[in-house]
């Protein structure tokens, strides 16, 4: 059987880095995803707070609280 020679090298470290970056990104954007799935009216507010201030722990927690807060009924028609 002939030996196949390719330029592809095994890179398990880069694969691990890619997985870690994907998980961290998903965790970083979690408040926005929660707001979007719940159908909150403030989904875009949560997005911008999370994107701009989420790098601080306080900003991320604020975005998370905004996303899981109960919907307030403003009026009934």
C-alpha atoms as a PDB file:
ATOM      1  CA  UNK A   1       0.000   0.000   0.000  1.00  0.00           C
ATOM      2  CA  UNK A   2       1.518   3.396  -0.950  1.00  0.00           C
ATOM      3  CA  UNK A   3       2.239   6.006   1.700  1.00  0.00           C
ATOM      4  CA  UNK A   4       0.269   9.231   1.348  1.00  0.00           C
ATOM      5  CA  UNK A   5       2.256  12.379   2.049  1.00  0.00           C
ATOM      6  CA  UNK A   6       0.361  15.586   2.765  1.00  0.00           C
ATOM      7  CA  UNK A   7       1.213  18.993   4.139  1.00  0.00           C
ATOM      8  CA  UNK A   8      -1.434  18.669   6.849  1.00  0.00           C
ATOM      9  CA  UNK A   9      -0.008  18.432  10.337  1.00  0.00           C
ATOM     10  CA  UNK A  10      -1.789  17.434  13.474  1.00  0.00           C
ATOM     11  CA  UNK A  11      -2.495  20.495  15.576  1.00  0.00           C
ATOM     12  CA  UNK A  12      -4.287  19.432  18.735  1.00  0.00           C
ATOM     13  CA  UNK A  13      -3.267  22.608  20.569  1.00  0.00           C
ATOM     14  CA  UNK A  14      -4.905  24.915  18.014  1.00  0.00           C
ATOM     15  CA  UNK A  15      -8.064  22.819  18.139  1.00  0.00           C
ATOM     16  CA  UNK A  16      -8.157  23.126  21.908  1.00  0.00           C
ATOM     17  CA  UNK A  17      -7.626  26.886  21.681  1.00  0.00           C
ATOM     18  CA  UNK A  18     -10.486  27.173  19.184  1.00  0.00           C
ATOM     19  CA  UNK A  19     -12.814  25.246  21.488  1.00  0.00           C
ATOM     20  CA  UNK A  20     -11.845  27.360  24.497  1.00  0.00           C
ATOM     21  CA  UNK A  21     -12.387  30.598  22.545  1.00  0.00           C
ATOM     22  CA  UNK A  22     -15.816  29.386  21.377  1.00  0.00           C
ATOM     23  CA  UNK A  23     -16.886  28.494  24.925  1.00  0.00           C
ATOM     24  CA  UNK A  24     -15.618  31.793  26.350  1.00  0.00           C
ATOM     25  CA  UNK A  25     -17.401  33.765  23.615  1.00  0.00           C
ATOM     26  CA  UNK A  26     -20.631  31.884  24.241  1.00  0.00           C
ATOM     27  CA  UNK A  27     -20.329  32.592  27.955  1.00  0.00           C
ATOM     28  CA  UNK A  28     -19.576  36.242  27.312  1.00  0.00           C
ATOM     29  CA  UNK A  29     -22.668  36.692  25.151  1.00  0.00           C
ATOM     30  CA  UNK A  30     -24.920  34.535  27.359  1.00  0.00           C
ATOM     31  CA  UNK A  31     -26.996  37.452  28.759  1.00  0.00           C
ATOM     32  CA  UNK A  32     -27.871  38.623  25.260  1.00  0.00           C
ATOM     33  CA  UNK A  33     -28.788  35.074  24.200  1.00  0.00           C
ATOM     34  CA  UNK A  34     -31.064  34.695  27.234  1.00  0.00           C
ATOM     35  CA  UNK A  35     -32.802  37.995  26.473  1.00  0.00           C
ATOM     36  CA  UNK A  36     -33.268  37.030  22.823  1.00  0.00           C
ATOM     37  CA  UNK A  37     -34.693  33.594  23.628  1.00  0.00           C
ATOM     38  CA  UNK A  38     -37.062  35.014  26.242  1.00  0.00           C
ATOM     39  CA  UNK A  39     -38.271  37.668  23.814  1.00  0.00           C
ATOM     40  CA  UNK A  40     -37.477  40.598  26.085  1.00  0.00           C
ATOM     41  CA  UNK A  41     -38.288  44.039  24.764  1.00  0.00           C
ATOM     42  CA  UNK A  42     -34.842  45.212  25.909  1.00  0.00           C
ATOM     43  CA  UNK A  43     -32.891  42.637  23.923  1.00  0.00           C
ATOM     44  CA  UNK A  44     -30.852  45.263  22.088  1.00  0.00           C
ATOM     45  CA  UNK A  45     -30.152  47.164  25.315  1.00  0.00           C
ATOM     46  CA  UNK A  46     -28.833  43.947  26.822  1.00  0.00           C
ATOM     47  CA  UNK A  47     -26.748  43.386  23.687  1.00  0.00           C
ATOM     48  CA  UNK A  48     -25.078  46.804  23.853  1.00  0.00           C
ATOM     49  CA  UNK A  49     -24.494  46.706  27.622  1.00  0.00           C
ATOM     50  CA  UNK A  50     -23.040  43.236  27.271  1.00  0.00           C
ATOM     51  CA  UNK A  51     -20.880  44.104  24.269  1.00  0.00           C
ATOM     52  CA  UNK A  52     -19.499  47.381  25.628  1.00  0.00           C
ATOM     53  CA  UNK A  53     -19.363  46.715  29.375  1.00  0.00           C
ATOM     54  CA  UNK A  54     -19.421  42.933  29.584  1.00  0.00           C
ATOM     55  CA  UNK A  55     -15.623  42.777  29.812  1.00  0.00           C
ATOM     56  CA  UNK A  56     -16.023  44.104  33.340  1.00  0.00           C
ATOM     57  CA  UNK A  57     -17.611  41.624  35.684  1.00  0.00           C
ATOM     58  CA  UNK A  58     -20.076  44.263  36.859  1.00  0.00           C
ATOM     59  CA  UNK A  59     -21.219  45.022  33.291  1.00  0.00           C
ATOM     60  CA  UNK A  60     -21.714  41.333  32.554  1.00  0.00           C
ATOM     61  CA  UNK A  61     -23.769  40.846  35.735  1.00  0.00           C
ATOM     62  CA  UNK A  62     -25.876  43.935  34.928  1.00  0.00           C
ATOM     63  CA  UNK A  63     -26.577  42.559  31.444  1.00  0.00           C
ATOM     64  CA  UNK A  64     -27.476  39.171  32.948  1.00  0.00           C
ATOM     65  CA  UNK A  65     -29.887  40.744  35.426  1.00  0.00           C
ATOM     66  CA  UNK A  66     -31.443  42.806  32.629  1.00  0.00           C
ATOM     67  CA  UNK A  67     -31.961  39.641  30.586  1.00  0.00           C
ATOM     68  CA  UNK A  68     -33.590  37.511  33.303  1.00  0.00           C
ATOM     69  CA  UNK A  69     -35.731  40.206  34.891  1.00  0.00           C
ATOM     70  CA  UNK A  70     -39.469  39.582  34.796  1.00  0.00           C
ATOM     71  CA  UNK A  71     -41.517  41.286  32.135  1.00  0.00           C
ATOM     72  CA  UNK A  72     -43.587  44.138  33.530  1.00  0.00           C
ATOM     73  CA  UNK A  73     -47.122  44.555  32.301  1.00  0.00           C
ATOM     74  CA  UNK A  74     -47.505  48.214  31.361  1.00  0.00           C
ATOM     75  CA  UNK A  75     -51.199  48.034  30.698  1.00  0.00           C
ATOM     76  CA  UNK A  76     -54.041  45.806  29.645  1.00  0.00           C
ATOM     77  CA  UNK A  77     -56.367  46.675  26.765  1.00  0.00           C
END
